[in-house]
Amino acid sequence: MTQKPISPAPPLALSMVLADHVHRDPATGKCFILGTYNSIMAPSFPLLTQLVVYAALTDGHGQVPLRLLLTDADEALGPISTADGVIQVADPTRMWEVIFALRSAVIPRPGQYLFQLFSEQSLLREMRLEARTTSVRVANSG
């Protein structure tokens, strides 16, 4: 009887944050997360925007494939935007940080959306984004 090799458990996602910008200091390696939010407002949709997601993970083994997916909350529209990458993890006991930049994401309409972080077929973490319409008011010049 041949035994099937045991695949390592998926990594553990400690956090996931949506921000205006994430800067990694080249001297220290520290990440600076600027302008966190969980809702986006626009006068009209569809909205073309840049979305930046920071994630902190641990318990990875070897080459860890990652995929960030943006979809509507009901998943009726399918993937709206995706970002893929592979991280080489030498020490599974350490925490490692990943920055995803969705440079040309299109939010098709107001509503609830989900960021889903996967490794292979395993969902590691999920985060909501609410898209809302805002009214633009013109100041009275008189």
N, C-alpha and C. Protein backbone atom coordinates (compact mmCIF):
# COMPACT_ATOMS: atom_id res chain seq x y z
N MET A 1 0.84 -1.18 0.00
CA MET A 1 0.00 0.00 0.00
C MET A 1 0.89 1.24 0.00
N THR A 2 0.70 2.11 -0.99
CA THR A 2 1.49 3.33 -1.05
C THR A 2 0.77 4.43 -0.28
N GLN A 3 1.57 5.20 0.42
CA GLN A 3 1.00 6.30 1.18
C GLN A 3 1.11 7.59 0.41
N LYS A 4 0.06 8.36 0.47
CA LYS A 4 0.04 9.67 -0.17
C LYS A 4 0.83 10.64 0.71
N PRO A 5 1.72 11.44 0.10
CA PRO A 5 2.48 12.39 0.92
C PRO A 5 1.55 13.37 1.62
N ILE A 6 1.88 13.72 2.83
CA ILE A 6 1.08 14.66 3.60
C ILE A 6 1.48 16.07 3.20
N SER A 7 0.49 16.84 2.75
CA SER A 7 0.78 18.22 2.39
C SER A 7 0.72 19.06 3.66
N PRO A 8 1.58 20.07 3.74
CA PRO A 8 1.58 20.90 4.94
C PRO A 8 0.27 21.66 5.10
N ALA A 9 -0.06 21.96 6.34
CA ALA A 9 -1.26 22.75 6.62
C ALA A 9 -1.09 24.14 6.02
N PRO A 10 -2.19 24.79 5.64
CA PRO A 10 -2.08 26.14 5.09
C PRO A 10 -1.59 27.11 6.17
N PRO A 11 -1.00 28.23 5.74
CA PRO A 11 -0.56 29.22 6.72
C PRO A 11 -1.74 29.83 7.47
N LEU A 12 -1.44 30.48 8.56
CA LEU A 12 -2.43 31.16 9.38
C LEU A 12 -2.35 32.65 9.10
N ALA A 13 -3.47 33.25 8.68
CA ALA A 13 -3.51 34.70 8.43
C ALA A 13 -3.85 35.40 9.74
N LEU A 14 -2.90 36.14 10.26
CA LEU A 14 -3.07 36.84 11.54
C LEU A 14 -3.88 38.12 11.38
N SER A 15 -3.69 38.81 10.26
CA SER A 15 -4.43 40.05 10.03
C SER A 15 -4.49 40.36 8.54
N MET A 16 -5.48 41.19 8.20
CA MET A 16 -5.63 41.67 6.84
C MET A 16 -6.23 43.07 6.94
N VAL A 17 -5.60 44.06 6.30
CA VAL A 17 -6.00 45.46 6.43
C VAL A 17 -6.04 46.11 5.05
N LEU A 18 -7.10 46.85 4.77
CA LEU A 18 -7.23 47.64 3.55
C LEU A 18 -6.75 49.05 3.86
N ALA A 19 -5.87 49.60 3.01
CA ALA A 19 -5.27 50.90 3.29
C ALA A 19 -5.07 51.70 2.01
N ASP A 20 -4.85 53.00 2.19
CA ASP A 20 -4.51 53.85 1.05
C ASP A 20 -3.13 53.51 0.51
N HIS A 21 -2.21 53.18 1.43
CA HIS A 21 -0.83 52.90 1.03
C HIS A 21 -0.15 52.08 2.12
N VAL A 22 0.74 51.18 1.72
CA VAL A 22 1.60 50.47 2.66
C VAL A 22 3.03 50.68 2.18
N HIS A 23 3.85 51.22 3.06
CA HIS A 23 5.25 51.49 2.75
C HIS A 23 6.13 50.55 3.56
N ARG A 24 7.04 49.85 2.88
CA ARG A 24 8.02 49.01 3.57
C ARG A 24 9.35 49.76 3.57
N ASP A 25 9.83 50.08 4.76
CA ASP A 25 11.09 50.80 4.91
C ASP A 25 12.23 49.90 4.46
N PRO A 26 13.01 50.32 3.46
CA PRO A 26 14.09 49.45 2.97
C PRO A 26 15.20 49.23 4.00
N ALA A 27 15.39 50.15 4.92
CA ALA A 27 16.45 50.02 5.91
C ALA A 27 16.09 49.04 7.03
N THR A 28 14.83 49.08 7.48
CA THR A 28 14.43 48.25 8.63
C THR A 28 13.54 47.08 8.24
N GLY A 29 12.89 47.15 7.07
CA GLY A 29 11.94 46.13 6.67
C GLY A 29 10.57 46.30 7.31
N LYS A 30 10.39 47.32 8.14
CA LYS A 30 9.11 47.56 8.80
C LYS A 30 8.08 48.09 7.81
N CYS A 31 6.83 47.69 8.00
CA CYS A 31 5.73 48.18 7.18
C CYS A 31 5.00 49.30 7.90
N PHE A 32 4.68 50.35 7.14
CA PHE A 32 3.90 51.46 7.66
C PHE A 32 2.58 51.47 6.87
N ILE A 33 1.48 51.27 7.57
CA ILE A 33 0.16 51.17 6.96
C ILE A 33 -0.51 52.53 7.10
N LEU A 34 -0.85 53.15 5.97
CA LEU A 34 -1.36 54.51 5.98
C LEU A 34 -2.79 54.56 5.46
N GLY A 35 -3.69 55.16 6.22
CA GLY A 35 -5.06 55.40 5.77
C GLY A 35 -5.91 54.15 5.69
N THR A 36 -6.15 53.48 6.81
CA THR A 36 -6.97 52.27 6.79
C THR A 36 -8.46 52.63 6.63
N TYR A 37 -9.21 51.74 6.01
CA TYR A 37 -10.64 51.97 5.83
C TYR A 37 -11.34 50.64 5.53
N ASN A 38 -12.68 50.65 5.62
CA ASN A 38 -13.47 49.47 5.26
C ASN A 38 -14.68 49.82 4.41
N SER A 39 -14.78 51.10 4.01
CA SER A 39 -15.83 51.49 3.08
C SER A 39 -15.26 52.51 2.11
N ILE A 40 -15.87 52.55 0.95
CA ILE A 40 -15.42 53.46 -0.11
C ILE A 40 -16.64 54.18 -0.65
N MET A 41 -16.51 55.49 -0.85
CA MET A 41 -17.64 56.28 -1.33
C MET A 41 -17.28 56.92 -2.66
N ALA A 42 -18.26 56.97 -3.56
CA ALA A 42 -18.04 57.57 -4.87
C ALA A 42 -19.35 58.21 -5.34
N PRO A 43 -19.25 59.27 -6.14
CA PRO A 43 -20.48 59.91 -6.63
C PRO A 43 -21.21 59.05 -7.66
N SER A 44 -20.47 58.13 -8.33
CA SER A 44 -21.12 57.26 -9.31
C SER A 44 -20.31 55.97 -9.46
N PHE A 45 -20.97 54.98 -10.01
CA PHE A 45 -20.35 53.68 -10.26
C PHE A 45 -20.62 53.30 -11.70
N PRO A 46 -19.77 52.51 -12.33
CA PRO A 46 -18.61 51.80 -11.79
C PRO A 46 -17.49 52.75 -11.40
N LEU A 47 -16.68 52.31 -10.43
CA LEU A 47 -15.59 53.09 -9.89
C LEU A 47 -14.27 52.39 -10.17
N LEU A 48 -13.37 53.07 -10.87
CA LEU A 48 -12.02 52.56 -11.11
C LEU A 48 -11.15 53.08 -9.98
N THR A 49 -10.50 52.18 -9.24
CA THR A 49 -9.73 52.59 -8.07
C THR A 49 -8.54 51.68 -7.85
N GLN A 50 -7.62 52.13 -7.01
CA GLN A 50 -6.50 51.29 -6.55
C GLN A 50 -6.81 50.85 -5.13
N LEU A 51 -6.64 49.58 -4.85
CA LEU A 51 -6.87 49.03 -3.52
C LEU A 51 -5.59 48.34 -3.06
N VAL A 52 -5.17 48.64 -1.84
CA VAL A 52 -3.95 48.06 -1.28
C VAL A 52 -4.32 47.28 -0.03
N VAL A 53 -3.90 46.02 0.02
CA VAL A 53 -4.21 45.15 1.16
C VAL A 53 -2.91 44.63 1.76
N TYR A 54 -2.80 44.77 3.08
CA TYR A 54 -1.67 44.26 3.85
C TYR A 54 -2.14 43.01 4.58
N ALA A 55 -1.32 41.98 4.58
CA ALA A 55 -1.65 40.76 5.33
C ALA A 55 -0.41 40.29 6.09
N ALA A 56 -0.63 39.83 7.33
CA ALA A 56 0.43 39.24 8.15
C ALA A 56 0.08 37.77 8.34
N LEU A 57 1.04 36.88 8.07
CA LEU A 57 0.81 35.44 8.13
C LEU A 57 1.90 34.75 8.92
N THR A 58 1.63 33.52 9.32
CA THR A 58 2.61 32.68 9.98
C THR A 58 2.30 31.22 9.64
N ASP A 59 3.14 30.32 10.09
CA ASP A 59 2.96 28.87 9.90
C ASP A 59 3.05 28.41 8.45
N GLY A 60 3.77 29.15 7.62
CA GLY A 60 3.97 28.72 6.24
C GLY A 60 5.10 27.71 6.15
N HIS A 61 5.09 26.93 5.09
CA HIS A 61 6.11 25.90 4.86
C HIS A 61 6.57 25.94 3.41
N GLY A 62 7.86 26.23 3.18
CA GLY A 62 8.40 26.21 1.82
C GLY A 62 7.80 27.29 0.95
N GLN A 63 7.48 26.93 -0.29
CA GLN A 63 6.85 27.88 -1.21
C GLN A 63 5.36 27.92 -0.94
N VAL A 64 4.87 29.10 -0.61
CA VAL A 64 3.46 29.28 -0.26
C VAL A 64 2.80 30.15 -1.32
N PRO A 65 1.92 29.57 -2.14
CA PRO A 65 1.19 30.38 -3.12
C PRO A 65 0.07 31.15 -2.42
N LEU A 66 -0.10 32.41 -2.80
CA LEU A 66 -1.15 33.25 -2.23
C LEU A 66 -1.96 33.88 -3.34
N ARG A 67 -3.25 34.05 -3.08
CA ARG A 67 -4.12 34.74 -4.03
C ARG A 67 -5.10 35.59 -3.25
N LEU A 68 -5.15 36.88 -3.61
CA LEU A 68 -6.14 37.79 -3.05
C LEU A 68 -7.21 37.99 -4.11
N LEU A 69 -8.45 37.82 -3.71
CA LEU A 69 -9.57 37.90 -4.64
C LEU A 69 -10.57 38.92 -4.11
N LEU A 70 -11.06 39.79 -4.96
CA LEU A 70 -12.13 40.73 -4.63
C LEU A 70 -13.37 40.27 -5.37
N THR A 71 -14.47 40.10 -4.63
CA THR A 71 -15.73 39.68 -5.22
C THR A 71 -16.87 40.38 -4.50
N ASP A 72 -18.07 40.34 -5.08
CA ASP A 72 -19.22 40.87 -4.37
C ASP A 72 -19.58 39.90 -3.24
N ALA A 73 -20.29 40.37 -2.23
CA ALA A 73 -20.56 39.57 -1.04
C ALA A 73 -21.34 38.30 -1.36
N ASP A 74 -22.20 38.33 -2.36
CA ASP A 74 -22.97 37.14 -2.75
C ASP A 74 -22.18 36.25 -3.70
N GLU A 75 -21.05 36.70 -4.17
CA GLU A 75 -20.20 36.01 -5.14
C GLU A 75 -20.93 35.73 -6.44
N ALA A 76 -21.93 36.56 -6.75
CA ALA A 76 -22.70 36.40 -7.98
C ALA A 76 -21.92 36.91 -9.20
N LEU A 77 -21.06 37.91 -9.00
CA LEU A 77 -20.31 38.49 -10.12
C LEU A 77 -19.02 37.74 -10.41
N GLY A 78 -18.62 36.84 -9.52
CA GLY A 78 -17.34 36.16 -9.68
C GLY A 78 -16.21 37.08 -9.29
N PRO A 79 -14.97 36.70 -9.60
CA PRO A 79 -13.82 37.55 -9.24
C PRO A 79 -13.87 38.89 -9.98
N ILE A 80 -13.79 39.97 -9.21
CA ILE A 80 -13.77 41.31 -9.79
C ILE A 80 -12.33 41.72 -10.06
N SER A 81 -11.45 41.37 -9.14
CA SER A 81 -10.02 41.67 -9.27
C SER A 81 -9.24 40.64 -8.47
N THR A 82 -8.04 40.30 -8.93
CA THR A 82 -7.21 39.33 -8.22
C THR A 82 -5.74 39.76 -8.23
N ALA A 83 -5.00 39.26 -7.26
CA ALA A 83 -3.55 39.44 -7.22
C ALA A 83 -2.96 38.13 -6.72
N ASP A 84 -1.90 37.66 -7.38
CA ASP A 84 -1.28 36.39 -7.04
C ASP A 84 0.18 36.59 -6.69
N GLY A 85 0.70 35.68 -5.88
CA GLY A 85 2.11 35.70 -5.55
C GLY A 85 2.52 34.41 -4.87
N VAL A 86 3.82 34.21 -4.76
CA VAL A 86 4.38 33.05 -4.06
C VAL A 86 5.42 33.57 -3.09
N ILE A 87 5.35 33.10 -1.85
CA ILE A 87 6.29 33.50 -0.82
C ILE A 87 7.11 32.28 -0.44
N GLN A 88 8.42 32.46 -0.31
CA GLN A 88 9.30 31.39 0.16
C GLN A 88 9.47 31.56 1.67
N VAL A 89 9.00 30.56 2.42
CA VAL A 89 9.05 30.62 3.89
C VAL A 89 10.11 29.66 4.39
N ALA A 90 11.14 30.22 5.01
CA ALA A 90 12.24 29.40 5.53
C ALA A 90 11.97 28.94 6.96
N ASP A 91 11.27 29.76 7.74
CA ASP A 91 11.02 29.44 9.15
C ASP A 91 9.54 29.59 9.44
N PRO A 92 8.81 28.48 9.62
CA PRO A 92 7.36 28.56 9.82
C PRO A 92 6.94 29.21 11.14
N THR A 93 7.87 29.41 12.06
CA THR A 93 7.50 30.02 13.34
C THR A 93 7.51 31.54 13.29
N ARG A 94 8.03 32.11 12.21
CA ARG A 94 8.10 33.56 12.10
C ARG A 94 6.88 34.12 11.39
N MET A 95 6.61 35.39 11.64
CA MET A 95 5.54 36.09 10.95
C MET A 95 6.12 36.73 9.69
N TRP A 96 5.37 36.75 8.60
CA TRP A 96 5.79 37.41 7.37
C TRP A 96 4.64 38.25 6.85
N GLU A 97 5.01 39.32 6.16
CA GLU A 97 4.04 40.30 5.71
C GLU A 97 4.01 40.36 4.19
N VAL A 98 2.80 40.54 3.67
CA VAL A 98 2.59 40.59 2.22
C VAL A 98 1.76 41.83 1.90
N ILE A 99 2.11 42.49 0.82
CA ILE A 99 1.35 43.66 0.36
C ILE A 99 0.82 43.36 -1.03
N PHE A 100 -0.49 43.47 -1.19
CA PHE A 100 -1.14 43.27 -2.48
C PHE A 100 -1.62 44.63 -2.99
N ALA A 101 -1.34 44.95 -4.24
CA ALA A 101 -1.83 46.19 -4.85
C ALA A 101 -2.70 45.83 -6.05
N LEU A 102 -3.98 46.12 -5.93
CA LEU A 102 -4.92 45.94 -7.04
C LEU A 102 -5.01 47.32 -7.72
N ARG A 103 -4.21 47.53 -8.74
CA ARG A 103 -4.01 48.86 -9.31
C ARG A 103 -5.20 49.36 -10.14
N SER A 104 -5.91 48.50 -10.78
CA SER A 104 -7.03 48.93 -11.65
C SER A 104 -8.29 48.15 -11.31
N ALA A 105 -8.66 48.17 -10.04
CA ALA A 105 -9.87 47.46 -9.62
C ALA A 105 -11.09 48.28 -10.01
N VAL A 106 -12.11 47.60 -10.51
CA VAL A 106 -13.35 48.26 -10.88
C VAL A 106 -14.44 47.76 -9.94
N ILE A 107 -14.97 48.67 -9.13
CA ILE A 107 -16.12 48.37 -8.26
C ILE A 107 -17.35 48.68 -9.11
N PRO A 108 -18.12 47.65 -9.52
CA PRO A 108 -19.18 47.88 -10.50
C PRO A 108 -20.39 48.65 -10.00
N ARG A 109 -20.71 48.51 -8.70
CA ARG A 109 -21.92 49.15 -8.19
C ARG A 109 -21.82 49.27 -6.66
N PRO A 110 -22.67 50.10 -6.06
CA PRO A 110 -22.68 50.16 -4.60
C PRO A 110 -23.07 48.79 -4.03
N GLY A 111 -22.60 48.51 -2.83
CA GLY A 111 -22.95 47.25 -2.19
C GLY A 111 -21.82 46.71 -1.33
N GLN A 112 -21.97 45.46 -0.91
CA GLN A 112 -21.01 44.77 -0.07
C GLN A 112 -20.08 43.93 -0.94
N TYR A 113 -18.78 44.00 -0.62
CA TYR A 113 -17.76 43.23 -1.33
C TYR A 113 -16.90 42.48 -0.33
N LEU A 114 -16.19 41.48 -0.81
CA LEU A 114 -15.31 40.68 0.04
C LEU A 114 -13.92 40.60 -0.56
N PHE A 115 -12.92 40.79 0.30
CA PHE A 115 -11.56 40.41 -0.03
C PHE A 115 -11.36 39.03 0.56
N GLN A 116 -10.92 38.08 -0.24
CA GLN A 116 -10.68 36.72 0.23
C GLN A 116 -9.22 36.38 -0.05
N LEU A 117 -8.52 35.93 1.00
CA LEU A 117 -7.12 35.55 0.87
C LEU A 117 -7.03 34.03 0.90
N PHE A 118 -6.47 33.46 -0.16
CA PHE A 118 -6.35 32.01 -0.31
C PHE A 118 -4.90 31.58 -0.39
N SER A 119 -4.63 30.37 0.07
CA SER A 119 -3.41 29.65 -0.26
C SER A 119 -3.87 28.31 -0.80
N GLU A 120 -3.51 28.04 -2.07
CA GLU A 120 -4.06 26.87 -2.77
C GLU A 120 -5.59 27.00 -2.73
N GLN A 121 -6.30 26.00 -2.21
CA GLN A 121 -7.76 26.04 -2.13
C GLN A 121 -8.27 26.47 -0.76
N SER A 122 -7.36 26.78 0.16
CA SER A 122 -7.75 27.11 1.53
C SER A 122 -8.00 28.61 1.69
N LEU A 123 -9.18 28.96 2.18
CA LEU A 123 -9.50 30.34 2.51
C LEU A 123 -8.83 30.67 3.84
N LEU A 124 -7.91 31.64 3.82
CA LEU A 124 -7.16 32.00 5.03
C LEU A 124 -7.84 33.09 5.84
N ARG A 125 -8.41 34.06 5.14
CA ARG A 125 -9.05 35.19 5.83
C ARG A 125 -9.96 35.90 4.84
N GLU A 126 -10.97 36.56 5.40
CA GLU A 126 -11.93 37.29 4.59
C GLU A 126 -12.18 38.64 5.25
N MET A 127 -12.37 39.67 4.43
CA MET A 127 -12.61 41.02 4.94
C MET A 127 -13.63 41.71 4.05
N ARG A 128 -14.54 42.46 4.67
CA ARG A 128 -15.60 43.16 3.92
C ARG A 128 -15.16 44.56 3.50
N LEU A 129 -15.73 44.98 2.38
CA LEU A 129 -15.60 46.35 1.89
C LEU A 129 -17.00 46.79 1.48
N GLU A 130 -17.43 47.94 1.98
CA GLU A 130 -18.73 48.48 1.59
C GLU A 130 -18.51 49.62 0.61
N ALA A 131 -19.20 49.58 -0.51
CA ALA A 131 -19.14 50.65 -1.52
C ALA A 131 -20.46 51.40 -1.48
N ARG A 132 -20.36 52.72 -1.29
CA ARG A 132 -21.57 53.54 -1.16
C ARG A 132 -21.52 54.73 -2.11
N THR A 133 -22.70 55.18 -2.50
CA THR A 133 -22.83 56.38 -3.32
C THR A 133 -22.91 57.58 -2.39
N THR A 134 -22.18 58.61 -2.76
CA THR A 134 -22.23 59.86 -1.99
C THR A 134 -22.77 60.95 -2.89
N SER A 135 -23.50 61.87 -2.31
CA SER A 135 -24.00 62.98 -3.11
C SER A 135 -22.96 64.09 -3.08
N VAL A 136 -22.78 64.72 -4.21
CA VAL A 136 -21.84 65.82 -4.33
C VAL A 136 -22.63 67.11 -4.23
N ARG A 137 -22.28 67.94 -3.28
CA ARG A 137 -22.99 69.21 -3.10
C ARG A 137 -22.16 70.35 -3.67
N VAL A 138 -22.81 71.23 -4.38
CA VAL A 138 -22.13 72.40 -4.93
C VAL A 138 -22.34 73.54 -3.95
N ALA A 139 -21.26 74.19 -3.56
CA ALA A 139 -21.36 75.32 -2.62
C ALA A 139 -22.05 76.51 -3.29
N ASN A 140 -22.84 77.19 -2.51
CA ASN A 140 -23.55 78.38 -3.00
C ASN A 140 -22.56 79.53 -3.04
N SER A 141 -22.40 80.13 -4.22
CA SER A 141 -21.43 81.21 -4.35
C SER A 141 -22.04 82.58 -4.04
N GLY A 142 -23.32 82.61 -3.74
CA GLY A 142 -24.00 83.88 -3.54
C GLY A 142 -24.00 84.25 -2.16
